[in-house]
């Protein structure tokens, strides 16, 4: 990142930095069950959980949260977690993340930060199943819009906030297209444990999401650039000033996002589905899902792993190109990093920028690319791209079935439909589509779809009717609805 930009950003948040310096660490997990480990098999360095790291200081690779599982009292059956669900008087049991705490055991109970996240549902969706081409009863929507900030990000932010508390952080930061900033802001606002600073680009950001960050008290820094520029900036600032970074490069944030899959399994009576279909942006969810299933299989808690389909928007399709056009794969932890960097360099040279109606996945440089490659390997996964038109059609089908969702969520349904048409998904398969966020995250996209007057452009538009202010004419119009 240019030095002058970094200096301007430091000056912008300089008045907040004294807050960051007041570090009062709580006791860490003394049993040393948890640690941080480098993703690269050629390095494999390990670090304590009391360290604030956004990558391996030895080789620069991403980090995982790791555990000495033989020292963790993991229940012998997943169904044991269900009994905690109704314990409203005990917040860590009521949380849809922390009731599975033995599967992310990096914190003591008293260190956990929770605001009631994870009260989500898996909904059988017959109208969407018909649209996709699935047999009755075989398509499910995992609706993460019921989280406190309205998106799946709360699953990860409760875990990141917990780790921030463990290390005594007084300032946290993130770059965001909207959902991450809203989630970080709500945790900072409700708990009062830290000052949240969010970096947003000057490009597209849904006002529904931006309004949350502003309303919840986060300090918002807007830079000239897109999400990728904002993430580069915030990573450098956090490294320089030892501010706690809450983007999905943070390994503890992804630990919280594993629990989305635990709840899916819980809702299916612990029988894994055939497919998980998820939008691909920064690739945190897909990375977390792969890790969740690998660990569950290794612990003997499931007997098979579902297949994973990651769906890019065609205007933000780096993963799709990397996997399907460039032929890059996990390769036992040794993907062709030089080839990936050549692709990224060429993308920058051609000034290719992400462009999609689905702002939540409008990302060119997904930070969790290598972790997602691992997830694809674990889950025998595939990657597809879908157009904005397909995304909006999928979103409209979800809405017509009674669930509003943000545009990025429509990519799941559009991707499932594409895979069904290819014959990759059979009509008898059980398919779970992840709905990442609430409809009101981006109401402009919804209204725009349904009020577009271009004939044929919005196949499932539900346009409002215009009628004179005349009772008889209104009644005449109503009679036509019958």
Protein backbone atom coordinates (compact mmCIF):
# COMPACT_ATOMS: atom_id res chain seq x y z
CA UNK A 1 0.00 0.00 0.00
CA UNK A 2 1.39 3.48 -0.81
CA UNK A 3 3.12 5.10 2.18
CA UNK A 4 1.19 8.37 1.86
CA UNK A 5 -2.15 6.51 2.04
CA UNK A 6 -1.03 4.58 5.10
CA UNK A 7 0.12 7.78 6.79
CA UNK A 8 -3.21 9.50 6.07
CA UNK A 9 -5.09 6.56 7.53
CA UNK A 10 -2.92 6.58 10.63
CA UNK A 11 -3.64 10.28 11.08
CA UNK A 12 -7.37 9.67 10.58
CA UNK A 13 -7.58 7.20 13.44
CA UNK A 14 -4.72 8.65 15.48
CA UNK A 15 -7.03 10.13 18.12
CA UNK A 16 -8.33 6.63 18.82
CA UNK A 17 -5.01 4.87 19.22
CA UNK A 18 -4.61 5.62 22.95
CA UNK A 19 -7.68 3.42 23.47
CA UNK A 20 -5.85 0.57 21.77
CA UNK A 21 -2.87 0.91 24.09
CA UNK A 22 -4.84 0.11 27.23
CA UNK A 23 -4.28 -3.63 27.16
CA UNK A 24 -5.52 -5.64 30.12
CA UNK A 25 -5.28 -9.30 29.23
CA UNK A 26 -7.56 -11.90 30.77
CA UNK A 27 -6.13 -15.31 31.57
CA UNK A 28 -5.67 -17.41 28.45
CA UNK A 29 -6.53 -21.11 28.19
CA UNK A 30 -3.89 -22.44 30.55
CA UNK A 31 -4.17 -26.06 29.46
CA UNK A 32 -2.62 -25.09 26.08
CA UNK A 33 -5.26 -27.13 24.31
CA UNK A 34 -5.55 -24.44 21.63
CA UNK A 35 -2.87 -22.92 19.45
CA UNK A 36 -2.37 -21.21 16.11
CA UNK A 37 -0.70 -23.17 13.32
CA UNK A 38 0.66 -22.20 9.93
CA UNK A 39 -1.35 -23.58 7.01
CA UNK A 40 1.76 -24.41 4.97
CA UNK A 41 2.99 -28.00 5.46
CA UNK A 42 6.49 -26.80 4.63
CA UNK A 43 6.42 -24.49 7.64
CA UNK A 44 3.85 -25.72 10.15
CA UNK A 45 4.98 -23.26 12.82
CA UNK A 46 2.77 -23.01 15.89
CA UNK A 47 1.99 -20.01 18.06
CA UNK A 48 0.08 -19.40 21.28
CA UNK A 49 -3.45 -18.07 21.24
CA UNK A 50 -2.27 -15.08 23.28
CA UNK A 51 -0.57 -13.70 20.16
CA UNK A 52 -2.37 -11.32 17.77
CA UNK A 53 -1.46 -12.64 14.32
CA UNK A 54 -3.01 -12.24 10.88
CA UNK A 55 -0.58 -14.59 9.16
CA UNK A 56 2.44 -16.74 9.86
CA UNK A 57 5.34 -14.42 10.81
CA UNK A 58 7.78 -17.00 9.42
CA UNK A 59 6.41 -17.60 5.90
CA UNK A 60 3.37 -15.34 5.49
CA UNK A 61 0.84 -18.16 5.06
CA UNK A 62 -2.62 -18.11 6.63
CA UNK A 63 -3.09 -19.49 10.13
CA UNK A 64 -5.51 -22.06 11.50
CA UNK A 65 -6.81 -22.47 15.01
CA UNK A 66 -5.60 -25.89 16.10
CA UNK A 67 -6.40 -28.11 19.07
CA UNK A 68 -5.01 -31.08 20.90
CA UNK A 69 -8.21 -33.02 20.46
CA UNK A 70 -7.17 -35.88 22.71
CA UNK A 71 -7.27 -33.39 25.59
CA UNK A 72 -10.72 -31.99 24.72
CA UNK A 73 -13.82 -33.51 26.34
CA UNK A 74 -15.80 -33.75 23.09
CA UNK A 75 -19.24 -35.35 23.49
CA UNK A 76 -19.38 -38.84 22.01
CA UNK A 77 -22.53 -37.89 20.09
CA UNK A 78 -23.47 -34.64 18.36
CA UNK A 79 -27.00 -34.91 19.74
CA UNK A 80 -25.63 -34.05 23.19
CA UNK A 81 -25.36 -30.42 22.06
CA UNK A 82 -29.12 -30.19 21.46
CA UNK A 83 -30.05 -30.19 25.13
CA UNK A 84 -28.35 -26.81 25.61
CA UNK A 85 -30.48 -25.02 23.03
CA UNK A 86 -33.31 -24.12 25.40
CA UNK A 87 -31.13 -22.78 28.24
CA UNK A 88 -32.04 -19.11 27.83
CA UNK A 89 -30.83 -18.27 31.32
CA UNK A 90 -27.30 -19.41 30.40
CA UNK A 91 -26.16 -17.27 27.45
CA UNK A 92 -23.30 -19.50 26.29
CA UNK A 93 -25.68 -22.47 26.10
CA UNK A 94 -28.38 -20.48 24.31
CA UNK A 95 -25.90 -19.18 21.73
CA UNK A 96 -26.01 -21.07 18.46
CA UNK A 97 -22.23 -20.80 18.37
CA UNK A 98 -21.10 -21.45 21.92
CA UNK A 99 -23.36 -24.37 22.71
CA UNK A 100 -20.88 -26.20 20.46
CA UNK A 101 -17.91 -24.80 22.40
CA UNK A 102 -16.15 -28.16 22.75
CA UNK A 103 -15.65 -28.00 18.97
CA UNK A 104 -13.94 -24.60 19.16
CA UNK A 105 -12.23 -24.91 22.54
CA UNK A 106 -9.99 -21.86 22.68
CA UNK A 107 -11.71 -19.96 25.51
CA UNK A 108 -12.86 -20.50 29.07
CA UNK A 109 -16.59 -20.03 29.66
CA UNK A 110 -16.08 -16.74 31.48
CA UNK A 111 -14.13 -15.29 28.54
CA UNK A 112 -16.84 -15.90 25.95
CA UNK A 113 -18.49 -12.86 24.35
CA UNK A 114 -22.03 -13.56 23.14
CA UNK A 115 -25.07 -11.47 22.22
CA UNK A 116 -27.42 -14.33 21.35
CA UNK A 117 -26.08 -15.11 17.89
CA UNK A 118 -26.87 -18.28 15.95
CA UNK A 119 -30.65 -18.46 16.50
CA UNK A 120 -31.10 -19.47 12.88
CA UNK A 121 -33.26 -22.01 11.09
CA UNK A 122 -33.02 -24.57 8.31
CA UNK A 123 -36.17 -24.21 6.25
CA UNK A 124 -37.50 -26.78 3.81
CA UNK A 125 -38.36 -24.72 0.74
CA UNK A 126 -40.74 -26.39 -1.71
CA UNK A 127 -41.26 -23.46 -4.08
CA UNK A 128 -37.51 -22.93 -4.39
CA UNK A 129 -37.01 -26.69 -4.84
CA UNK A 130 -39.42 -26.61 -7.78
CA UNK A 131 -37.56 -23.67 -9.31
CA UNK A 132 -34.19 -25.41 -8.92
CA UNK A 133 -35.54 -28.73 -10.19
CA UNK A 134 -35.31 -30.76 -6.98
CA UNK A 135 -37.64 -33.47 -5.70
CA UNK A 136 -40.13 -32.47 -3.02
CA UNK A 137 -38.57 -32.22 0.42
CA UNK A 138 -34.97 -32.18 -0.79
CA UNK A 139 -33.98 -28.50 -0.84
CA UNK A 140 -33.30 -26.55 2.34
CA UNK A 141 -32.45 -22.92 3.03
CA UNK A 142 -30.14 -22.18 5.97
CA UNK A 143 -31.27 -18.68 6.89
CA UNK A 144 -28.54 -16.68 8.62
CA UNK A 145 -30.49 -13.43 8.42
CA UNK A 146 -31.90 -14.09 11.90
CA UNK A 147 -28.58 -13.21 13.53
CA UNK A 148 -28.51 -9.99 15.63
CA UNK A 149 -26.84 -7.91 12.90
CA UNK A 150 -28.79 -9.68 10.16
CA UNK A 151 -26.04 -11.78 8.59
CA UNK A 152 -23.89 -14.87 9.07
CA UNK A 153 -20.97 -12.69 10.16
CA UNK A 154 -22.13 -12.79 13.79
CA UNK A 155 -21.14 -16.46 13.98
CA UNK A 156 -17.55 -15.45 13.38
CA UNK A 157 -17.58 -12.12 15.18
CA UNK A 158 -18.59 -13.64 18.50
CA UNK A 159 -15.51 -15.87 18.26
CA UNK A 160 -13.22 -13.04 17.13
CA UNK A 161 -14.57 -10.80 19.91
CA UNK A 162 -13.93 -13.56 22.41
CA UNK A 163 -10.32 -13.88 21.27
CA UNK A 164 -9.97 -10.07 21.33
CA UNK A 165 -11.10 -10.18 24.94
CA UNK A 166 -8.60 -12.94 25.75
CA UNK A 167 -5.69 -10.88 24.43
CA UNK A 168 -7.01 -7.68 26.04
CA UNK A 169 -7.63 -5.71 22.84
CA UNK A 170 -9.27 -2.30 23.29
CA UNK A 171 -9.59 -1.48 19.60
CA UNK A 172 -10.79 -3.74 16.79
CA UNK A 173 -10.94 -3.05 13.08
CA UNK A 174 -12.14 -4.52 9.79
CA UNK A 175 -12.50 -3.77 6.12
CA UNK A 176 -15.99 -4.40 4.85
CA UNK A 177 -18.48 -4.36 2.02
CA UNK A 178 -21.11 -3.95 4.74
CA UNK A 179 -21.94 -7.08 6.72
CA UNK A 180 -18.62 -7.38 8.55
CA UNK A 181 -18.73 -3.75 9.63
CA UNK A 182 -22.30 -4.13 10.92
CA UNK A 183 -21.36 -7.23 12.88
CA UNK A 184 -18.18 -5.79 14.39
CA UNK A 185 -20.05 -2.60 15.28
CA UNK A 186 -22.85 -4.41 17.09
CA UNK A 187 -20.43 -6.47 19.18
CA UNK A 188 -18.44 -3.38 20.08
CA UNK A 189 -21.57 -1.39 20.85
CA UNK A 190 -23.40 -3.97 22.96
CA UNK A 191 -20.45 -5.30 24.93
CA UNK A 192 -18.53 -2.04 25.37
CA UNK A 193 -15.33 -4.10 25.43
CA UNK A 194 -13.61 -2.34 22.55
CA UNK A 195 -13.83 0.53 20.11
CA UNK A 196 -14.73 -0.73 16.64
CA UNK A 197 -13.20 0.95 13.56
CA UNK A 198 -14.51 -0.05 10.14
CA UNK A 199 -12.86 0.69 6.79
CA UNK A 200 -15.12 0.87 3.76
CA UNK A 201 -14.32 1.58 0.14
CA UNK A 202 -15.79 4.46 -1.80
CA UNK A 203 -17.46 2.06 -4.21
CA UNK A 204 -20.74 0.25 -3.70
CA UNK A 205 -21.87 -0.44 -0.16
CA UNK A 206 -25.50 -1.14 0.66
CA UNK A 207 -26.95 1.63 2.83
CA UNK A 208 -28.82 -0.91 4.95
CA UNK A 209 -25.45 -2.30 6.06
CA UNK A 210 -23.62 1.02 6.34
CA UNK A 211 -26.45 2.42 8.48
CA UNK A 212 -25.82 -0.33 11.02
CA UNK A 213 -22.15 0.49 11.46
CA UNK A 214 -23.00 4.18 11.90
CA UNK A 215 -25.90 3.53 14.26
CA UNK A 216 -24.03 1.04 16.46
CA UNK A 217 -21.24 3.52 17.20
CA UNK A 218 -18.36 2.24 15.08
CA UNK A 219 -15.83 4.77 13.83
CA UNK A 220 -16.18 4.57 10.05
CA UNK A 221 -13.23 5.35 7.76
CA UNK A 222 -14.03 5.60 4.05
CA UNK A 223 -11.08 5.30 1.68
CA UNK A 224 -10.88 5.93 -2.03
CA UNK A 225 -10.91 2.42 -3.47
CA UNK A 226 -12.82 -0.84 -3.30
CA UNK A 227 -12.96 -3.61 -0.69
CA UNK A 228 -9.62 -5.07 -1.76
CA UNK A 229 -7.96 -1.68 -1.26
CA UNK A 230 -9.63 -1.28 2.14
CA UNK A 231 -8.47 -4.71 3.29
CA UNK A 232 -4.87 -4.03 2.28
CA UNK A 233 -5.03 -0.76 4.19
CA UNK A 234 -6.58 -2.15 7.36
CA UNK A 235 -4.16 -5.10 7.50
CA UNK A 236 -1.16 -2.77 7.33
CA UNK A 237 -2.62 -0.37 9.89
CA UNK A 238 -3.43 -3.20 12.30
CA UNK A 239 0.05 -4.66 11.95
CA UNK A 240 1.71 -1.30 12.57
CA UNK A 241 -0.42 -0.33 15.54
CA UNK A 242 -1.21 -3.75 17.03
CA UNK A 243 -4.94 -3.22 16.52
CA UNK A 244 -7.04 -6.39 16.60
CA UNK A 245 -8.14 -7.31 13.06
CA UNK A 246 -11.57 -8.94 12.69
CA UNK A 247 -11.63 -9.81 9.00
CA UNK A 248 -11.79 -13.47 8.05
CA UNK A 249 -8.01 -13.67 7.78
CA UNK A 250 -8.40 -13.95 11.56
CA UNK A 251 -8.39 -17.72 12.26
CA UNK A 252 -10.63 -17.43 15.31
CA UNK A 253 -13.37 -15.71 13.32
CA UNK A 254 -13.58 -18.73 11.04
CA UNK A 255 -13.89 -20.99 14.08
CA UNK A 256 -17.22 -19.33 14.85
CA UNK A 257 -18.39 -19.77 11.27
CA UNK A 258 -17.90 -23.54 11.55
CA UNK A 259 -21.01 -23.63 13.70
CA UNK A 260 -23.29 -22.83 10.76
CA UNK A 261 -22.64 -26.39 9.65
CA UNK A 262 -23.20 -27.76 13.15
CA UNK A 263 -26.66 -26.19 13.15
CA UNK A 264 -27.40 -27.55 9.69
CA UNK A 265 -26.50 -31.04 10.88
CA UNK A 266 -28.52 -30.53 14.05
CA UNK A 267 -31.58 -29.59 11.98
CA UNK A 268 -31.15 -32.69 9.80
CA UNK A 269 -30.98 -35.02 12.82
CA UNK A 270 -27.19 -35.18 12.38
CA UNK A 271 -27.41 -36.80 8.95
CA UNK A 272 -25.12 -34.90 6.52
CA UNK A 273 -26.82 -33.63 3.35
CA UNK A 274 -25.46 -34.44 -0.09
CA UNK A 275 -24.59 -30.85 -0.99
CA UNK A 276 -23.82 -27.54 0.69
CA UNK A 277 -24.14 -24.60 -1.73
CA UNK A 278 -22.65 -21.29 -0.56
CA UNK A 279 -21.86 -17.90 -2.14
CA UNK A 280 -18.14 -17.20 -2.57
CA UNK A 281 -16.78 -13.75 -1.72
CA UNK A 282 -13.82 -13.59 0.65
CA UNK A 283 -14.29 -17.38 1.03
CA UNK A 284 -14.46 -17.44 4.83
CA UNK A 285 -17.63 -19.54 4.98
CA UNK A 286 -16.48 -22.18 2.52
CA UNK A 287 -13.12 -22.38 4.32
CA UNK A 288 -14.80 -22.75 7.71
CA UNK A 289 -17.24 -25.37 6.43
CA UNK A 290 -14.45 -27.54 5.07
CA UNK A 291 -12.57 -27.36 8.37
CA UNK A 292 -15.75 -28.17 10.32
CA UNK A 293 -16.46 -31.31 8.32
CA UNK A 294 -12.84 -32.47 8.41
CA UNK A 295 -12.73 -32.18 12.19
CA UNK A 296 -16.11 -33.86 12.68
CA UNK A 297 -15.01 -36.76 10.48
CA UNK A 298 -11.67 -37.10 12.28
CA UNK A 299 -13.47 -37.08 15.64
CA UNK A 300 -15.82 -39.82 14.47
CA UNK A 301 -18.91 -37.61 14.88
CA UNK A 302 -20.01 -37.97 11.24
CA UNK A 303 -19.43 -40.86 8.85
CA UNK A 304 -19.35 -38.92 5.59
CA UNK A 305 -18.67 -35.40 4.31
CA UNK A 306 -21.13 -33.60 2.01
CA UNK A 307 -19.99 -32.09 -1.25
CA UNK A 308 -19.40 -28.34 -1.36
CA UNK A 309 -20.34 -25.98 -4.19
CA UNK A 310 -18.95 -22.44 -4.02
CA UNK A 311 -20.79 -19.96 -6.24
CA UNK A 312 -19.10 -16.81 -7.53
CA UNK A 313 -20.83 -13.88 -9.14
CA UNK A 314 -19.64 -13.69 -12.75
CA UNK A 315 -18.38 -10.16 -12.08
CA UNK A 316 -16.27 -11.31 -9.12
CA UNK A 317 -15.12 -14.74 -10.19
CA UNK A 318 -11.50 -15.08 -9.09
CA UNK A 319 -12.00 -18.47 -7.45
CA UNK A 320 -13.90 -19.78 -10.47
CA UNK A 321 -11.07 -18.74 -12.79
CA UNK A 322 -8.33 -20.00 -10.46
CA UNK A 323 -9.91 -23.45 -10.16
CA UNK A 324 -11.60 -24.02 -13.50
CA UNK A 325 -9.46 -22.03 -15.94
CA UNK A 326 -6.06 -22.00 -14.25
CA UNK A 327 -6.35 -25.53 -12.86
CA UNK A 328 -5.04 -24.65 -9.40
CA UNK A 329 -5.95 -26.98 -6.53
CA UNK A 330 -5.02 -27.63 -2.90
CA UNK A 331 -2.32 -30.14 -3.83
CA UNK A 332 -1.85 -31.38 -0.23
CA UNK A 333 -1.20 -27.89 1.04
CA UNK A 334 1.09 -26.87 -1.77
CA UNK A 335 -1.05 -25.00 -4.32
CA UNK A 336 0.81 -23.20 -7.08
CA UNK A 337 1.30 -19.92 -5.19
CA UNK A 338 3.44 -18.43 -7.96
CA UNK A 339 0.71 -19.19 -10.50
CA UNK A 340 -1.90 -17.58 -8.24
CA UNK A 341 0.25 -14.48 -7.86
CA UNK A 342 0.78 -14.29 -11.63
CA UNK A 343 -2.99 -14.36 -12.07
CA UNK A 344 -3.47 -11.60 -9.49
CA UNK A 345 -0.72 -9.48 -11.04
CA UNK A 346 -2.30 -9.81 -14.48
CA UNK A 347 -5.68 -8.91 -13.03
CA UNK A 348 -4.20 -5.75 -11.52
CA UNK A 349 -2.35 -4.89 -14.73
CA UNK A 350 -5.62 -5.05 -16.65
CA UNK A 351 -7.34 -3.05 -13.89
CA UNK A 352 -10.05 -5.70 -13.55
CA UNK A 353 -12.31 -4.74 -10.67
CA UNK A 354 -15.10 -6.77 -9.11
CA UNK A 355 -18.52 -5.69 -10.33
CA UNK A 356 -21.75 -7.34 -9.21
CA UNK A 357 -25.16 -6.46 -7.76
CA UNK A 358 -24.26 -8.81 -4.90
CA UNK A 359 -22.07 -6.36 -2.96
CA UNK A 360 -21.32 -8.86 -0.18
CA UNK A 361 -19.32 -11.02 -2.62
CA UNK A 362 -17.92 -8.19 -4.75
CA UNK A 363 -14.30 -9.14 -4.02
CA UNK A 364 -11.41 -9.65 -6.44
CA UNK A 365 -8.72 -10.89 -4.05
CA UNK A 366 -10.35 -13.38 -1.66
CA UNK A 367 -8.12 -13.52 1.38
CA UNK A 368 -9.06 -17.11 2.21
CA UNK A 369 -8.35 -18.49 -1.26
CA UNK A 370 -5.92 -21.18 -0.09
CA UNK A 371 -8.17 -22.26 2.77
CA UNK A 372 -11.04 -22.54 0.32
CA UNK A 373 -8.89 -24.71 -1.95
CA UNK A 374 -8.40 -26.98 1.07
CA UNK A 375 -12.16 -27.04 1.70
CA UNK A 376 -12.81 -27.99 -1.92
CA UNK A 377 -10.35 -30.85 -1.51
CA UNK A 378 -11.92 -32.03 1.76
CA UNK A 379 -15.46 -31.84 0.39
CA UNK A 380 -14.87 -32.98 -3.21
CA UNK A 381 -16.04 -29.50 -4.04
CA UNK A 382 -16.70 -27.56 -7.22
CA UNK A 383 -16.92 -23.88 -8.19
CA UNK A 384 -19.42 -22.22 -10.48
CA UNK A 385 -20.20 -18.65 -11.54
CA UNK A 386 -23.65 -17.14 -12.12
CA UNK A 387 -24.76 -13.85 -13.64
CA UNK A 388 -26.33 -10.97 -11.74
CA UNK A 389 -29.58 -11.76 -13.51
CA UNK A 390 -29.49 -15.34 -12.24
CA UNK A 391 -28.64 -14.10 -8.75
CA UNK A 392 -31.63 -11.74 -8.70
CA UNK A 393 -33.96 -14.41 -10.06
CA UNK A 394 -32.80 -16.78 -7.31
CA UNK A 395 -33.25 -14.04 -4.71
CA UNK A 396 -36.79 -13.38 -5.99
CA UNK A 397 -37.66 -17.07 -5.67
CA UNK A 398 -36.46 -17.10 -2.07
CA UNK A 399 -38.54 -14.01 -1.34
CA UNK A 400 -41.66 -15.41 -3.01
CA UNK A 401 -41.32 -18.44 -0.72
CA UNK A 402 -41.48 -16.26 2.38
CA UNK A 403 -37.83 -15.50 3.13
CA UNK A 404 -36.22 -12.24 2.09
CA UNK A 405 -32.47 -12.40 1.55
CA UNK A 406 -29.65 -10.16 0.41
CA UNK A 407 -28.52 -10.50 -3.23
CA UNK A 408 -25.44 -12.60 -2.39
CA UNK A 409 -27.75 -15.27 -0.97
CA UNK A 410 -29.46 -15.54 -4.33
CA UNK A 411 -26.18 -16.91 -5.69
CA UNK A 412 -26.72 -20.10 -3.68
CA UNK A 413 -30.08 -20.78 -5.30
CA UNK A 414 -28.85 -19.75 -8.75
CA UNK A 415 -25.84 -22.02 -8.31
CA UNK A 416 -27.96 -24.97 -7.24
CA UNK A 417 -30.17 -24.45 -10.29
CA UNK A 418 -27.12 -24.32 -12.56
CA UNK A 419 -25.73 -27.53 -11.06
CA UNK A 420 -29.09 -29.25 -11.37
CA UNK A 421 -29.25 -28.29 -15.06
CA UNK A 422 -25.74 -29.69 -15.55
CA UNK A 423 -26.80 -32.95 -13.93
CA UNK A 424 -24.15 -32.49 -11.24
CA UNK A 425 -26.87 -32.40 -8.59
CA UNK A 426 -29.52 -35.12 -8.85
CA UNK A 427 -33.16 -34.26 -8.09
CA UNK A 428 -33.10 -36.83 -5.28
CA UNK A 429 -30.05 -35.29 -3.57
CA UNK A 430 -30.52 -33.38 -0.33
CA UNK A 431 -29.23 -29.86 -0.91
CA UNK A 432 -28.67 -27.04 1.61
CA UNK A 433 -28.36 -23.50 0.21
CA UNK A 434 -26.83 -20.95 2.57
CA UNK A 435 -28.69 -17.63 2.81
CA UNK A 436 -26.04 -15.28 4.14
CA UNK A 437 -28.04 -12.20 5.09
CA UNK A 438 -31.40 -10.51 5.59
CA UNK A 439 -33.41 -8.92 2.81
CA UNK A 440 -33.25 -5.49 4.46
CA UNK A 441 -29.46 -5.48 4.12
CA UNK A 442 -29.99 -4.20 0.58
CA UNK A 443 -33.60 -3.15 0.02
CA UNK A 444 -32.65 -1.03 -3.00
CA UNK A 445 -31.72 -4.17 -4.95
CA UNK A 446 -35.06 -5.75 -4.09
CA UNK A 447 -37.18 -2.75 -5.00
CA UNK A 448 -35.14 -2.19 -8.15
CA UNK A 449 -35.76 -5.75 -9.31
CA UNK A 450 -39.51 -5.60 -8.79
CA UNK A 451 -40.04 -2.11 -10.24
CA UNK A 452 -37.81 -2.36 -13.33
CA UNK A 453 -39.99 -1.57 -16.32
CA UNK A 454 -37.73 -3.13 -18.95
CA UNK A 455 -39.90 -5.83 -20.46
CA UNK A 456 -38.62 -9.33 -19.75
CA UNK A 457 -35.58 -8.19 -17.77
CA UNK A 458 -36.93 -9.30 -14.40
CA UNK A 459 -38.65 -12.61 -14.92
CA UNK A 460 -40.23 -12.86 -11.48
CA UNK A 461 -40.90 -9.19 -10.82
CA UNK A 462 -43.85 -8.39 -8.56
CA UNK A 463 -44.56 -4.85 -9.69
CA UNK A 464 -46.82 -2.55 -7.67
CA UNK A 465 -50.11 -1.55 -9.28
CA UNK A 466 -50.91 2.11 -9.84
CA UNK A 467 -54.57 3.06 -9.49
CA UNK A 468 -56.54 6.26 -9.19
CA UNK A 469 -57.70 7.39 -5.76
CA UNK A 470 -61.19 6.14 -6.48
CA UNK A 471 -62.93 3.48 -4.37
CA UNK A 472 -64.68 1.84 -7.30
CA UNK A 473 -61.48 1.61 -9.35
CA UNK A 474 -59.61 0.22 -6.36
CA UNK A 475 -62.31 -2.42 -5.85
CA UNK A 476 -62.19 -3.25 -9.55
CA UNK A 477 -58.44 -3.77 -9.29
CA UNK A 478 -58.81 -5.96 -6.16
CA UNK A 479 -61.38 -8.13 -7.91
CA UNK A 480 -58.82 -8.91 -10.61
CA UNK A 481 -56.54 -10.48 -7.94
CA UNK A 482 -59.03 -13.22 -7.17
